[in-house]
Amino acid sequence: MEKLTTGKIEVIEEDTVERLRIYKGRYVNKEFELILVINGLDEIYTDKHSIEDHFLKAAEKVSIAVGDFENAKAAWKSFSNDQQLKIFKELREHRKLVEAVFLQQVQGCQYIKRSTRES
């Protein structure tokens, strides 16, 4: 572990999309790709962005009132268990909803899919 932390990582290329970073790098003589997905949505006004931003957007899309909130995590926790399950069920059953709500996560997965085809 000490060898890993003392070695230098060279960033060869960086591709930046909103809340998605793709790094191509080299550590010693090994090349690697790092896909960094940053949770949260700028359109959700909260004191700290998190995965719950995406769940709140999904709630709005399936007609569950979100209301005003300062913290996305607290807003998500304020939903009843039935409401949360409804949102999860809708996400599981509707790919287009997932693509609309989890844009950067989907883009990261598409990048992996393209990379494995090219290999």
PDB file of N, CA and C in Angstrom:
ATOM      1  N   MET A   1       0.823  -1.193   0.000  1.00  0.00           N
ATOM      2  CA  MET A   1       0.000   0.000   0.000  1.00  0.00           C
ATOM      3  C   MET A   1       0.867   1.257   0.000  1.00  0.00           C
ATOM      4  N   GLU A   2       1.962   1.253   0.739  1.00  0.00           N
ATOM      5  CA  GLU A   2       2.834   2.425   0.769  1.00  0.00           C
ATOM      6  C   GLU A   2       3.390   2.739  -0.609  1.00  0.00           C
ATOM      7  N   LYS A   3       3.699   1.713  -1.399  1.00  0.00           N
ATOM      8  CA  LYS A   3       4.216   1.934  -2.744  1.00  0.00           C
ATOM      9  C   LYS A   3       3.187   2.661  -3.600  1.00  0.00           C
ATOM     10  N   LEU A   4       1.930   2.316  -3.435  1.00  0.00           N
ATOM     11  CA  LEU A   4       0.875   2.972  -4.208  1.00  0.00           C
ATOM     12  C   LEU A   4       0.750   4.444  -3.840  1.00  0.00           C
ATOM     13  N   THR A   5       0.830   4.750  -2.583  1.00  0.00           N
ATOM     14  CA  THR A   5       0.619   6.123  -2.152  1.00  0.00           C
ATOM     15  C   THR A   5       1.828   7.010  -2.422  1.00  0.00           C
ATOM     16  N   THR A   6       3.003   6.438  -2.591  1.00  0.00           N
ATOM     17  CA  THR A   6       4.182   7.261  -2.838  1.00  0.00           C
ATOM     18  C   THR A   6       4.495   7.401  -4.322  1.00  0.00           C
ATOM     19  N   GLY A   7       3.887   6.576  -5.165  1.00  0.00           N
ATOM     20  CA  GLY A   7       4.140   6.658  -6.599  1.00  0.00           C
ATOM     21  C   GLY A   7       3.421   7.835  -7.227  1.00  0.00           C
ATOM     22  N   LYS A   8       3.886   8.217  -8.391  1.00  0.00           N
ATOM     23  CA  LYS A   8       3.270   9.330  -9.111  1.00  0.00           C
ATOM     24  C   LYS A   8       2.279   8.790 -10.128  1.00  0.00           C
ATOM     25  N   ILE A   9       1.112   9.428 -10.191  1.00  0.00           N
ATOM     26  CA  ILE A   9       0.105   9.087 -11.186  1.00  0.00           C
ATOM     27  C   ILE A   9       0.107  10.202 -12.222  1.00  0.00           C
ATOM     28  N   GLU A  10       0.287   9.830 -13.463  1.00  0.00           N
ATOM     29  CA  GLU A  10       0.331  10.798 -14.553  1.00  0.00           C
ATOM     30  C   GLU A  10      -1.017  10.784 -15.276  1.00  0.00           C
ATOM     31  N   VAL A  11      -1.650  11.944 -15.366  1.00  0.00           N
ATOM     32  CA  VAL A  11      -2.892  12.050 -16.118  1.00  0.00           C
ATOM     33  C   VAL A  11      -2.525  12.315 -17.572  1.00  0.00           C
ATOM     34  N   ILE A  12      -2.885  11.384 -18.444  1.00  0.00           N
ATOM     35  CA  ILE A  12      -2.571  11.496 -19.864  1.00  0.00           C
ATOM     36  C   ILE A  12      -3.644  12.314 -20.567  1.00  0.00           C
ATOM     37  N   GLU A  13      -4.896  12.071 -20.209  1.00  0.00           N
ATOM     38  CA  GLU A  13      -6.013  12.727 -20.880  1.00  0.00           C
ATOM     39  C   GLU A  13      -7.152  12.868 -19.897  1.00  0.00           C
ATOM     40  N   GLU A  14      -7.880  13.965 -19.999  1.00  0.00           N
ATOM     41  CA  GLU A  14      -9.036  14.175 -19.132  1.00  0.00           C
ATOM     42  C   GLU A  14     -10.205  14.614 -20.004  1.00  0.00           C
ATOM     43  N   ASP A  15     -11.323  13.928 -19.869  1.00  0.00           N
ATOM     44  CA  ASP A  15     -12.545  14.283 -20.585  1.00  0.00           C
ATOM     45  C   ASP A  15     -13.562  14.680 -19.527  1.00  0.00           C
ATOM     46  N   THR A  16     -14.108  15.882 -19.665  1.00  0.00           N
ATOM     47  CA  THR A  16     -15.010  16.398 -18.652  1.00  0.00           C
ATOM     48  C   THR A  16     -16.387  16.672 -19.239  1.00  0.00           C
ATOM     49  N   VAL A  17     -17.390  16.068 -18.648  1.00  0.00           N
ATOM     50  CA  VAL A  17     -18.786  16.342 -18.932  1.00  0.00           C
ATOM     51  C   VAL A  17     -19.366  16.735 -17.579  1.00  0.00           C
ATOM     52  N   GLU A  18     -20.484  17.435 -17.570  1.00  0.00           N
ATOM     53  CA  GLU A  18     -21.022  17.869 -16.286  1.00  0.00           C
ATOM     54  C   GLU A  18     -21.202  16.693 -15.328  1.00  0.00           C
ATOM     55  N   ARG A  19     -20.525  16.794 -14.187  1.00  0.00           N
ATOM     56  CA  ARG A  19     -20.577  15.792 -13.114  1.00  0.00           C
ATOM     57  C   ARG A  19     -20.065  14.407 -13.528  1.00  0.00           C
ATOM     58  N   LEU A  20     -19.256  14.365 -14.578  1.00  0.00           N
ATOM     59  CA  LEU A  20     -18.638  13.118 -15.025  1.00  0.00           C
ATOM     60  C   LEU A  20     -17.224  13.446 -15.478  1.00  0.00           C
ATOM     61  N   ARG A  21     -16.254  12.750 -14.937  1.00  0.00           N
ATOM     62  CA  ARG A  21     -14.854  12.945 -15.313  1.00  0.00           C
ATOM     63  C   ARG A  21     -14.282  11.601 -15.737  1.00  0.00           C
ATOM     64  N   ILE A  22     -13.597  11.615 -16.862  1.00  0.00           N
ATOM     65  CA  ILE A  22     -12.949  10.395 -17.338  1.00  0.00           C
ATOM     66  C   ILE A  22     -11.462  10.715 -17.469  1.00  0.00           C
ATOM     67  N   TYR A  23     -10.674   9.989 -16.725  1.00  0.00           N
ATOM     68  CA  TYR A  23      -9.232  10.189 -16.737  1.00  0.00           C
ATOM     69  C   TYR A  23      -8.561   8.980 -17.354  1.00  0.00           C
ATOM     70  N   LYS A  24      -7.623   9.241 -18.223  1.00  0.00           N
ATOM     71  CA  LYS A  24      -6.741   8.191 -18.715  1.00  0.00           C
ATOM     72  C   LYS A  24      -5.395   8.526 -18.098  1.00  0.00           C
ATOM     73  N   GLY A  25      -4.809   7.550 -17.448  1.00  0.00           N
ATOM     74  CA  GLY A  25      -3.577   7.844 -16.743  1.00  0.00           C
ATOM     75  C   GLY A  25      -2.589   6.710 -16.798  1.00  0.00           C
ATOM     76  N   ARG A  26      -1.485   6.950 -16.150  1.00  0.00           N
ATOM     77  CA  ARG A  26      -0.420   5.958 -16.078  1.00  0.00           C
ATOM     78  C   ARG A  26       0.129   5.978 -14.660  1.00  0.00           C
ATOM     79  N   TYR A  27       0.316   4.805 -14.113  1.00  0.00           N
ATOM     80  CA  TYR A  27       0.946   4.642 -12.808  1.00  0.00           C
ATOM     81  C   TYR A  27       2.112   3.694 -13.034  1.00  0.00           C
ATOM     82  N   VAL A  28       3.290   4.180 -12.829  1.00  0.00           N
ATOM     83  CA  VAL A  28       4.525   3.465 -13.144  1.00  0.00           C
ATOM     84  C   VAL A  28       4.457   3.117 -14.640  1.00  0.00           C
ATOM     85  N   ASN A  29       4.316   1.858 -15.011  1.00  0.00           N
ATOM     86  CA  ASN A  29       4.250   1.508 -16.435  1.00  0.00           C
ATOM     87  C   ASN A  29       2.887   0.936 -16.823  1.00  0.00           C
ATOM     88  N   LYS A  30       1.905   1.098 -15.981  1.00  0.00           N
ATOM     89  CA  LYS A  30       0.552   0.581 -16.253  1.00  0.00           C
ATOM     90  C   LYS A  30      -0.381   1.734 -16.591  1.00  0.00           C
ATOM     91  N   GLU A  31      -1.084   1.599 -17.710  1.00  0.00           N
ATOM     92  CA  GLU A  31      -2.087   2.591 -18.064  1.00  0.00           C
ATOM     93  C   GLU A  31      -3.439   2.172 -17.483  1.00  0.00           C
ATOM     94  N   PHE A  32      -4.261   3.169 -17.171  1.00  0.00           N
ATOM     95  CA  PHE A  32      -5.569   2.885 -16.590  1.00  0.00           C
ATOM     96  C   PHE A  32      -6.547   3.973 -17.015  1.00  0.00           C
ATOM     97  N   GLU A  33      -7.830   3.680 -16.833  1.00  0.00           N
ATOM     98  CA  GLU A  33      -8.886   4.656 -17.008  1.00  0.00           C
ATOM     99  C   GLU A  33      -9.666   4.733 -15.700  1.00  0.00           C
ATOM    100  N   LEU A  34      -9.983   5.929 -15.312  1.00  0.00           N
ATOM    101  CA  LEU A  34     -10.768   6.159 -14.110  1.00  0.00           C
ATOM    102  C   LEU A  34     -12.009   6.946 -14.513  1.00  0.00           C
ATOM    103  N   ILE A  35     -13.160   6.409 -14.213  1.00  0.00           N
ATOM    104  CA  ILE A  35     -14.427   7.074 -14.505  1.00  0.00           C
ATOM    105  C   ILE A  35     -14.992   7.534 -13.166  1.00  0.00           C
ATOM    106  N   LEU A  36     -15.120   8.840 -13.033  1.00  0.00           N
ATOM    107  CA  LEU A  36     -15.597   9.434 -11.791  1.00  0.00           C
ATOM    108  C   LEU A  36     -16.961  10.069 -12.041  1.00  0.00           C
ATOM    109  N   VAL A  37     -17.986   9.532 -11.411  1.00  0.00           N
ATOM    110  CA  VAL A  37     -19.336  10.069 -11.521  1.00  0.00           C
ATOM    111  C   VAL A  37     -19.635  10.812 -10.225  1.00  0.00           C
ATOM    112  N   ILE A  38     -20.058  12.063 -10.374  1.00  0.00           N
ATOM    113  CA  ILE A  38     -20.330  12.906  -9.216  1.00  0.00           C
ATOM    114  C   ILE A  38     -21.847  13.039  -9.081  1.00  0.00           C
ATOM    115  N   ASN A  39     -22.388  12.508  -8.000  1.00  0.00           N
ATOM    116  CA  ASN A  39     -23.841  12.544  -7.779  1.00  0.00           C
ATOM    117  C   ASN A  39     -24.327  13.964  -7.551  1.00  0.00           C
ATOM    118  N   GLY A  40     -25.589  14.174  -7.866  1.00  0.00           N
ATOM    119  CA  GLY A  40     -26.230  15.455  -7.627  1.00  0.00           C
ATOM    120  C   GLY A  40     -26.694  16.088  -8.914  1.00  0.00           C
ATOM    121  N   LEU A  41     -27.636  17.015  -8.784  1.00  0.00           N
ATOM    122  CA  LEU A  41     -28.188  17.736  -9.923  1.00  0.00           C
ATOM    123  C   LEU A  41     -28.242  19.216  -9.582  1.00  0.00           C
ATOM    124  N   ASP A  42     -27.711  20.038 -10.475  1.00  0.00           N
ATOM    125  CA  ASP A  42     -27.718  21.479 -10.224  1.00  0.00           C
ATOM    126  C   ASP A  42     -29.135  22.039 -10.146  1.00  0.00           C
ATOM    127  N   GLU A  43     -30.083  21.403 -10.830  1.00  0.00           N
ATOM    128  CA  GLU A  43     -31.466  21.895 -10.825  1.00  0.00           C
ATOM    129  C   GLU A  43     -32.176  21.644  -9.493  1.00  0.00           C
ATOM    130  N   ILE A  44     -31.587  20.788  -8.657  1.00  0.00           N
ATOM    131  CA  ILE A  44     -32.138  20.553  -7.316  1.00  0.00           C
ATOM    132  C   ILE A  44     -31.404  21.499  -6.370  1.00  0.00           C
ATOM    133  N   TYR A  45     -32.143  22.411  -5.787  1.00  0.00           N
ATOM    134  CA  TYR A  45     -31.542  23.405  -4.907  1.00  0.00           C
ATOM    135  C   TYR A  45     -31.486  22.849  -3.490  1.00  0.00           C
ATOM    136  N   THR A  46     -30.282  22.547  -3.072  1.00  0.00           N
ATOM    137  CA  THR A  46     -30.057  21.923  -1.774  1.00  0.00           C
ATOM    138  C   THR A  46     -28.738  22.429  -1.210  1.00  0.00           C
ATOM    139  N   ASP A  47     -28.555  22.266   0.089  1.00  0.00           N
ATOM    140  CA  ASP A  47     -27.315  22.737   0.698  1.00  0.00           C
ATOM    141  C   ASP A  47     -26.119  21.831   0.371  1.00  0.00           C
ATOM    142  N   LYS A  48     -26.398  20.599  -0.006  1.00  0.00           N
ATOM    143  CA  LYS A  48     -25.322  19.661  -0.341  1.00  0.00           C
ATOM    144  C   LYS A  48     -25.879  18.640  -1.331  1.00  0.00           C
ATOM    145  N   HIS A  49     -25.247  18.525  -2.494  1.00  0.00           N
ATOM    146  CA  HIS A  49     -25.734  17.592  -3.504  1.00  0.00           C
ATOM    147  C   HIS A  49     -25.391  16.156  -3.128  1.00  0.00           C
ATOM    148  N   SER A  50     -26.303  15.244  -3.513  1.00  0.00           N
ATOM    149  CA  SER A  50     -26.135  13.831  -3.177  1.00  0.00           C
ATOM    150  C   SER A  50     -26.988  12.984  -4.112  1.00  0.00           C
ATOM    151  N   ILE A  51     -26.931  11.688  -3.958  1.00  0.00           N
ATOM    152  CA  ILE A  51     -27.721  10.763  -4.768  1.00  0.00           C
ATOM    153  C   ILE A  51     -29.222  11.035  -4.587  1.00  0.00           C
ATOM    154  N   GLU A  52     -29.597  11.553  -3.431  1.00  0.00           N
ATOM    155  CA  GLU A  52     -31.010  11.846  -3.175  1.00  0.00           C
ATOM    156  C   GLU A  52     -31.557  12.906  -4.137  1.00  0.00           C
ATOM    157  N   ASP A  53     -30.699  13.764  -4.682  1.00  0.00           N
ATOM    158  CA  ASP A  53     -31.147  14.722  -5.703  1.00  0.00           C
ATOM    159  C   ASP A  53     -31.860  13.982  -6.828  1.00  0.00           C
ATOM    160  N   HIS A  54     -31.269  12.867  -7.243  1.00  0.00           N
ATOM    161  CA  HIS A  54     -31.808  12.080  -8.354  1.00  0.00           C
ATOM    162  C   HIS A  54     -33.152  11.455  -7.980  1.00  0.00           C
ATOM    163  N   PHE A  55     -33.257  10.981  -6.743  1.00  0.00           N
ATOM    164  CA  PHE A  55     -34.517  10.396  -6.292  1.00  0.00           C
ATOM    165  C   PHE A  55     -35.624  11.453  -6.223  1.00  0.00           C
ATOM    166  N   LEU A  56     -35.266  12.675  -5.815  1.00  0.00           N
ATOM    167  CA  LEU A  56     -36.260  13.752  -5.759  1.00  0.00           C
ATOM    168  C   LEU A  56     -36.732  14.130  -7.160  1.00  0.00           C
ATOM    169  N   LYS A  57     -35.816  14.145  -8.115  1.00  0.00           N
ATOM    170  CA  LYS A  57     -36.219  14.426  -9.494  1.00  0.00           C
ATOM    171  C   LYS A  57     -37.143  13.320 -10.010  1.00  0.00           C
ATOM    172  N   ALA A  58     -36.827  12.071  -9.677  1.00  0.00           N
ATOM    173  CA  ALA A  58     -37.689  10.946 -10.071  1.00  0.00           C
ATOM    174  C   ALA A  58     -39.060  11.094  -9.435  1.00  0.00           C
ATOM    175  N   ALA A  59     -39.104  11.515  -8.185  1.00  0.00           N
ATOM    176  CA  ALA A  59     -40.389  11.708  -7.497  1.00  0.00           C
ATOM    177  C   ALA A  59     -41.247  12.714  -8.256  1.00  0.00           C
ATOM    178  N   GLU A  60     -40.635  13.815  -8.661  1.00  0.00           N
ATOM    179  CA  GLU A  60     -41.379  14.826  -9.424  1.00  0.00           C
ATOM    180  C   GLU A  60     -41.904  14.246 -10.722  1.00  0.00           C
ATOM    181  N   LYS A  61     -41.107  13.442 -11.390  1.00  0.00           N
ATOM    182  CA  LYS A  61     -41.494  12.875 -12.680  1.00  0.00           C
ATOM    183  C   LYS A  61     -42.621  11.845 -12.558  1.00  0.00           C
ATOM    184  N   VAL A  62     -42.759  11.221 -11.384  1.00  0.00           N
ATOM    185  CA  VAL A  62     -43.847  10.253 -11.191  1.00  0.00           C
ATOM    186  C   VAL A  62     -44.982  10.868 -10.363  1.00  0.00           C
ATOM    187  N   SER A  63     -45.014  12.190 -10.339  1.00  0.00           N
ATOM    188  CA  SER A  63     -46.101  12.959  -9.725  1.00  0.00           C
ATOM    189  C   SER A  63     -46.218  12.803  -8.217  1.00  0.00           C
ATOM    190  N   ILE A  64     -45.081  12.708  -7.544  1.00  0.00           N
ATOM    191  CA  ILE A  64     -45.067  12.740  -6.083  1.00  0.00           C
ATOM    192  C   ILE A  64     -44.556  14.123  -5.693  1.00  0.00           C
ATOM    193  N   ALA A  65     -45.358  14.858  -4.948  1.00  0.00           N
ATOM    194  CA  ALA A  65     -44.988  16.220  -4.564  1.00  0.00           C
ATOM    195  C   ALA A  65     -43.761  16.208  -3.657  1.00  0.00           C
ATOM    196  N   VAL A  66     -42.807  17.041  -4.014  1.00  0.00           N
ATOM    197  CA  VAL A  66     -41.567  17.114  -3.248  1.00  0.00           C
ATOM    198  C   VAL A  66     -41.627  18.229  -2.219  1.00  0.00           C
ATOM    199  N   GLY A  67     -42.168  19.375  -2.578  1.00  0.00           N
ATOM    200  CA  GLY A  67     -42.252  20.494  -1.644  1.00  0.00           C
ATOM    201  C   GLY A  67     -40.925  21.212  -1.506  1.00  0.00           C
ATOM    202  N   ASP A  68     -40.890  22.172  -0.597  1.00  0.00           N
ATOM    203  CA  ASP A  68     -39.667  22.945  -0.362  1.00  0.00           C
ATOM    204  C   ASP A  68     -38.782  22.223   0.642  1.00  0.00           C
ATOM    205  N   PHE A  69     -37.494  22.329   0.438  1.00  0.00           N
ATOM    206  CA  PHE A  69     -36.537  21.686   1.338  1.00  0.00           C
ATOM    207  C   PHE A  69     -35.194  22.379   1.216  1.00  0.00           C
ATOM    208  N   GLU A  70     -34.367  22.224   2.226  1.00  0.00           N
ATOM    209  CA  GLU A  70     -33.004  22.745   2.184  1.00  0.00           C
ATOM    210  C   GLU A  70     -32.001  21.628   1.980  1.00  0.00           C
ATOM    211  N   ASN A  71     -32.372  20.428   2.370  1.00  0.00           N
ATOM    212  CA  ASN A  71     -31.450  19.302   2.326  1.00  0.00           C
ATOM    213  C   ASN A  71     -32.125  18.134   1.604  1.00  0.00           C
ATOM    214  N   ALA A  72     -31.511  17.675   0.515  1.00  0.00           N
ATOM    215  CA  ALA A  72     -32.100  16.602  -0.293  1.00  0.00           C
ATOM    216  C   ALA A  72     -32.230  15.302   0.498  1.00  0.00           C
ATOM    217  N   LYS A  73     -31.241  14.987   1.321  1.00  0.00           N
ATOM    218  CA  LYS A  73     -31.314  13.752   2.116  1.00  0.00           C
ATOM    219  C   LYS A  73     -32.507  13.791   3.066  1.00  0.00           C
ATOM    220  N   ALA A  74     -32.697  14.914   3.722  1.00  0.00           N
ATOM    221  CA  ALA A  74     -33.831  15.057   4.646  1.00  0.00           C
ATOM    222  C   ALA A  74     -35.157  14.996   3.889  1.00  0.00           C
ATOM    223  N   ALA A  75     -35.204  15.615   2.719  1.00  0.00           N
ATOM    224  CA  ALA A  75     -36.435  15.576   1.919  1.00  0.00           C
ATOM    225  C   ALA A  75     -36.761  14.140   1.529  1.00  0.00           C
ATOM    226  N   TRP A  76     -35.752  13.380   1.103  1.00  0.00           N
ATOM    227  CA  TRP A  76     -35.969  11.974   0.724  1.00  0.00           C
ATOM    228  C   TRP A  76     -36.457  11.168   1.923  1.00  0.00           C
ATOM    229  N   LYS A  77     -35.844  11.390   3.080  1.00  0.00           N
ATOM    230  CA  LYS A  77     -36.249  10.658   4.285  1.00  0.00           C
ATOM    231  C   LYS A  77     -37.661  11.017   4.734  1.00  0.00           C
ATOM    232  N   SER A  78     -38.151  12.184   4.312  1.00  0.00           N
ATOM    233  CA  SER A  78     -39.502  12.590   4.718  1.00  0.00           C
ATOM    234  C   SER A  78     -40.587  11.854   3.928  1.00  0.00           C
ATOM    235  N   PHE A  79     -40.214  11.208   2.828  1.00  0.00           N
ATOM    236  CA  PHE A  79     -41.187  10.428   2.063  1.00  0.00           C
ATOM    237  C   PHE A  79     -41.535   9.167   2.835  1.00  0.00           C
ATOM    238  N   SER A  80     -42.763   8.743   2.677  1.00  0.00           N
ATOM    239  CA  SER A  80     -43.175   7.488   3.320  1.00  0.00           C
ATOM    240  C   SER A  80     -42.483   6.324   2.620  1.00  0.00           C
ATOM    241  N   ASN A  81     -42.445   5.197   3.274  1.00  0.00           N
ATOM    242  CA  ASN A  81     -41.861   3.988   2.694  1.00  0.00           C
ATOM    243  C   ASN A  81     -42.568   3.628   1.381  1.00  0.00           C
ATOM    244  N   ASP A  82     -43.896   3.769   1.357  1.00  0.00           N
ATOM    245  CA  ASP A  82     -44.667   3.475   0.142  1.00  0.00           C
ATOM    246  C   ASP A  82     -44.271   4.400  -1.007  1.00  0.00           C
ATOM    247  N   GLN A  83     -44.068   5.681  -0.718  1.00  0.00           N
ATOM    248  CA  GLN A  83     -43.655   6.623  -1.758  1.00  0.00           C
ATOM    249  C   GLN A  83     -42.269   6.268  -2.296  1.00  0.00           C
ATOM    250  N   GLN A  84     -41.343   5.950  -1.395  1.00  0.00           N
ATOM    251  CA  GLN A  84     -39.995   5.571  -1.823  1.00  0.00           C
ATOM    252  C   GLN A  84     -40.037   4.313  -2.679  1.00  0.00           C
ATOM    253  N   LEU A  85     -40.839   3.321  -2.260  1.00  0.00           N
ATOM    254  CA  LEU A  85     -40.954   2.083  -3.034  1.00  0.00           C
ATOM    255  C   LEU A  85     -41.566   2.335  -4.414  1.00  0.00           C
ATOM    256  N   LYS A  86     -42.530   3.240  -4.473  1.00  0.00           N
ATOM    257  CA  LYS A  86     -43.130   3.583  -5.768  1.00  0.00           C
ATOM    258  C   LYS A  86     -42.076   4.173  -6.702  1.00  0.00           C
ATOM    259  N   ILE A  87     -41.250   5.052  -6.191  1.00  0.00           N
ATOM    260  CA  ILE A  87     -40.190   5.664  -6.999  1.00  0.00           C
ATOM    261  C   ILE A  87     -39.215   4.594  -7.484  1.00  0.00           C
ATOM    262  N   PHE A  88     -38.779   3.723  -6.596  1.00  0.00           N
ATOM    263  CA  PHE A  88     -37.851   2.653  -6.988  1.00  0.00           C
ATOM    264  C   PHE A  88     -38.483   1.742  -8.043  1.00  0.00           C
ATOM    265  N   LYS A  89     -39.752   1.429  -7.865  1.00  0.00           N
ATOM    266  CA  LYS A  89     -40.450   0.563  -8.821  1.00  0.00           C
ATOM    267  C   LYS A  89     -40.515   1.231 -10.193  1.00  0.00           C
ATOM    268  N   GLU A  90     -40.847   2.503 -10.217  1.00  0.00           N
ATOM    269  CA  GLU A  90     -40.904   3.239 -11.483  1.00  0.00           C
ATOM    270  C   GLU A  90     -39.532   3.279 -12.150  1.00  0.00           C
ATOM    271  N   LEU A  91     -38.498   3.483 -11.380  1.00  0.00           N
ATOM    272  CA  LEU A  91     -37.137   3.489 -11.938  1.00  0.00           C
ATOM    273  C   LEU A  91     -36.779   2.118 -12.503  1.00  0.00           C
ATOM    274  N   ARG A  92     -37.152   1.078 -11.783  1.00  0.00           N
ATOM    275  CA  ARG A  92     -36.837  -0.286 -12.227  1.00  0.00           C
ATOM    276  C   ARG A  92     -37.564  -0.629 -13.527  1.00  0.00           C
ATOM    277  N   GLU A  93     -38.762  -0.128 -13.685  1.00  0.00           N
ATOM    278  CA  GLU A  93     -39.596  -0.508 -14.825  1.00  0.00           C
ATOM    279  C   GLU A  93     -39.480   0.412 -16.040  1.00  0.00           C
ATOM    280  N   HIS A  94     -38.885   1.587 -15.877  1.00  0.00           N
ATOM    281  CA  HIS A  94     -38.856   2.553 -16.980  1.00  0.00           C
ATOM    282  C   HIS A  94     -37.438   3.066 -17.235  1.00  0.00           C
ATOM    283  N   ARG A  95     -36.820   2.498 -18.220  1.00  0.00           N
ATOM    284  CA  ARG A  95     -35.445   2.861 -18.574  1.00  0.00           C
ATOM    285  C   ARG A  95     -35.303   4.354 -18.906  1.00  0.00           C
ATOM    286  N   LYS A  96     -36.281   4.897 -19.615  1.00  0.00           N
ATOM    287  CA  LYS A  96     -36.230   6.323 -19.992  1.00  0.00           C
ATOM    288  C   LYS A  96     -36.204   7.223 -18.747  1.00  0.00           C
ATOM    289  N   LEU A  97     -36.909   6.813 -17.711  1.00  0.00           N
ATOM    290  CA  LEU A  97     -36.897   7.568 -16.465  1.00  0.00           C
ATOM    291  C   LEU A  97     -35.500   7.531 -15.846  1.00  0.00           C
ATOM    292  N   VAL A  98     -34.895   6.369 -15.843  1.00  0.00           N
ATOM    293  CA  VAL A  98     -33.524   6.236 -15.315  1.00  0.00           C
ATOM    294  C   VAL A  98     -32.577   7.132 -16.102  1.00  0.00           C
ATOM    295  N   GLU A  99     -32.694   7.098 -17.431  1.00  0.00           N
ATOM    296  CA  GLU A  99     -31.810   7.902 -18.278  1.00  0.00           C
ATOM    297  C   GLU A  99     -32.003   9.398 -18.036  1.00  0.00           C
ATOM    298  N   ALA A 100     -33.223   9.816 -17.747  1.00  0.00           N
ATOM    299  CA  ALA A 100     -33.501  11.235 -17.504  1.00  0.00           C
ATOM    300  C   ALA A 100     -33.033  11.693 -16.131  1.00  0.00           C
ATOM    301  N   VAL A 101     -33.109  10.806 -15.168  1.00  0.00           N
ATOM    302  CA  VAL A 101     -32.835  11.172 -13.781  1.00  0.00           C
ATOM    303  C   VAL A 101     -31.376  10.935 -13.384  1.00  0.00           C
ATOM    304  N   PHE A 102     -30.763   9.915 -13.941  1.00  0.00           N
ATOM    305  CA  PHE A 102     -29.383   9.558 -13.609  1.00  0.00           C
ATOM    306  C   PHE A 102     -28.475   9.759 -14.827  1.00  0.00           C
ATOM    307  N   LEU A 103     -28.512  10.946 -15.397  1.00  0.00           N
ATOM    308  CA  LEU A 103     -27.823  11.219 -16.653  1.00  0.00           C
ATOM    309  C   LEU A 103     -26.329  10.909 -16.589  1.00  0.00           C
ATOM    310  N   GLN A 104     -25.625  11.439 -15.600  1.00  0.00           N
ATOM    311  CA  GLN A 104     -24.175  11.240 -15.566  1.00  0.00           C
ATOM    312  C   GLN A 104     -23.805   9.782 -15.269  1.00  0.00           C
ATOM    313  N   GLN A 105     -24.622   9.092 -14.499  1.00  0.00           N
ATOM    314  CA  GLN A 105     -24.353   7.683 -14.233  1.00  0.00           C
ATOM    315  C   GLN A 105     -24.525   6.864 -15.509  1.00  0.00           C
ATOM    316  N   VAL A 106     -25.562   7.164 -16.275  1.00  0.00           N
ATOM    317  CA  VAL A 106     -25.809   6.464 -17.543  1.00  0.00           C
ATOM    318  C   VAL A 106     -24.674   6.759 -18.515  1.00  0.00           C
ATOM    319  N   GLN A 107     -24.241   8.022 -18.585  1.00  0.00           N
ATOM    320  CA  GLN A 107     -23.137   8.377 -19.475  1.00  0.00           C
ATOM    321  C   GLN A 107     -21.863   7.620 -19.092  1.00  0.00           C
ATOM    322  N   GLY A 108     -21.607   7.487 -17.812  1.00  0.00           N
ATOM    323  CA  GLY A 108     -20.436   6.730 -17.357  1.00  0.00           C
ATOM    324  C   GLY A 108     -20.512   5.275 -17.776  1.00  0.00           C
ATOM    325  N   CYS A 109     -21.686   4.676 -17.645  1.00  0.00           N
ATOM    326  CA  CYS A 109     -21.883   3.277 -18.055  1.00  0.00           C
ATOM    327  C   CYS A 109     -21.744   3.131 -19.571  1.00  0.00           C
ATOM    328  N   GLN A 110     -22.253   4.102 -20.328  1.00  0.00           N
ATOM    329  CA  GLN A 110     -22.116   4.045 -21.782  1.00  0.00           C
ATOM    330  C   GLN A 110     -20.648   4.133 -22.189  1.00  0.00           C
ATOM    331  N   TYR A 111     -19.877   4.933 -21.473  1.00  0.00           N
ATOM    332  CA  TYR A 111     -18.450   5.026 -21.751  1.00  0.00           C
ATOM    333  C   TYR A 111     -17.771   3.672 -21.534  1.00  0.00           C
ATOM    334  N   ILE A 112     -18.107   3.012 -20.436  1.00  0.00           N
ATOM    335  CA  ILE A 112     -17.545   1.685 -20.160  1.00  0.00           C
ATOM    336  C   ILE A 112     -17.925   0.715 -21.272  1.00  0.00           C
ATOM    337  N   LYS A 113     -19.178   0.757 -21.683  1.00  0.00           N
ATOM    338  CA  LYS A 113     -19.660  -0.132 -22.738  1.00  0.00           C
ATOM    339  C   LYS A 113     -18.889   0.104 -24.043  1.00  0.00           C
ATOM    340  N   ARG A 114     -18.696   1.374 -24.427  1.00  0.00           N
ATOM    341  CA  ARG A 114     -17.933   1.690 -25.642  1.00  0.00           C
ATOM    342  C   ARG A 114     -16.485   1.234 -25.504  1.00  0.00           C
ATOM    343  N   SER A 115     -15.900   1.452 -24.347  1.00  0.00           N
ATOM    344  CA  SER A 115     -14.497   1.081 -24.127  1.00  0.00           C
ATOM    345  C   SER A 115     -14.288  -0.424 -24.247  1.00  0.00           C
ATOM    346  N   THR A 116     -15.228  -1.206 -23.733  1.00  0.00           N
ATOM    347  CA  THR A 116     -15.061  -2.665 -23.789  1.00  0.00           C
ATOM    348  C   THR A 116     -15.254  -3.188 -25.206  1.00  0.00           C
ATOM    349  N   ARG A 117     -16.071  -2.507 -26.007  1.00  0.00           N
ATOM    350  CA  ARG A 117     -16.243  -2.906 -27.418  1.00  0.00           C
ATOM    351  C   ARG A 117     -14.980  -2.642 -28.218  1.00  0.00           C
ATOM    352  N   GLU A 118     -14.300  -1.532 -27.885  1.00  0.00           N
ATOM    353  CA  GLU A 118     -13.108  -1.135 -28.615  1.00  0.00           C
ATOM    354  C   GLU A 118     -11.899  -1.993 -28.261  1.00  0.00           C
ATOM    355  N   SER A 119     -11.940  -2.633 -27.108  1.00  0.00           N
ATOM    356  CA  SER A 119     -10.793  -3.443 -26.662  1.00  0.00           C
ATOM    357  C   SER A 119     -10.680  -4.745 -27.401  1.00  0.00           C
TER     358      SER A 119
END
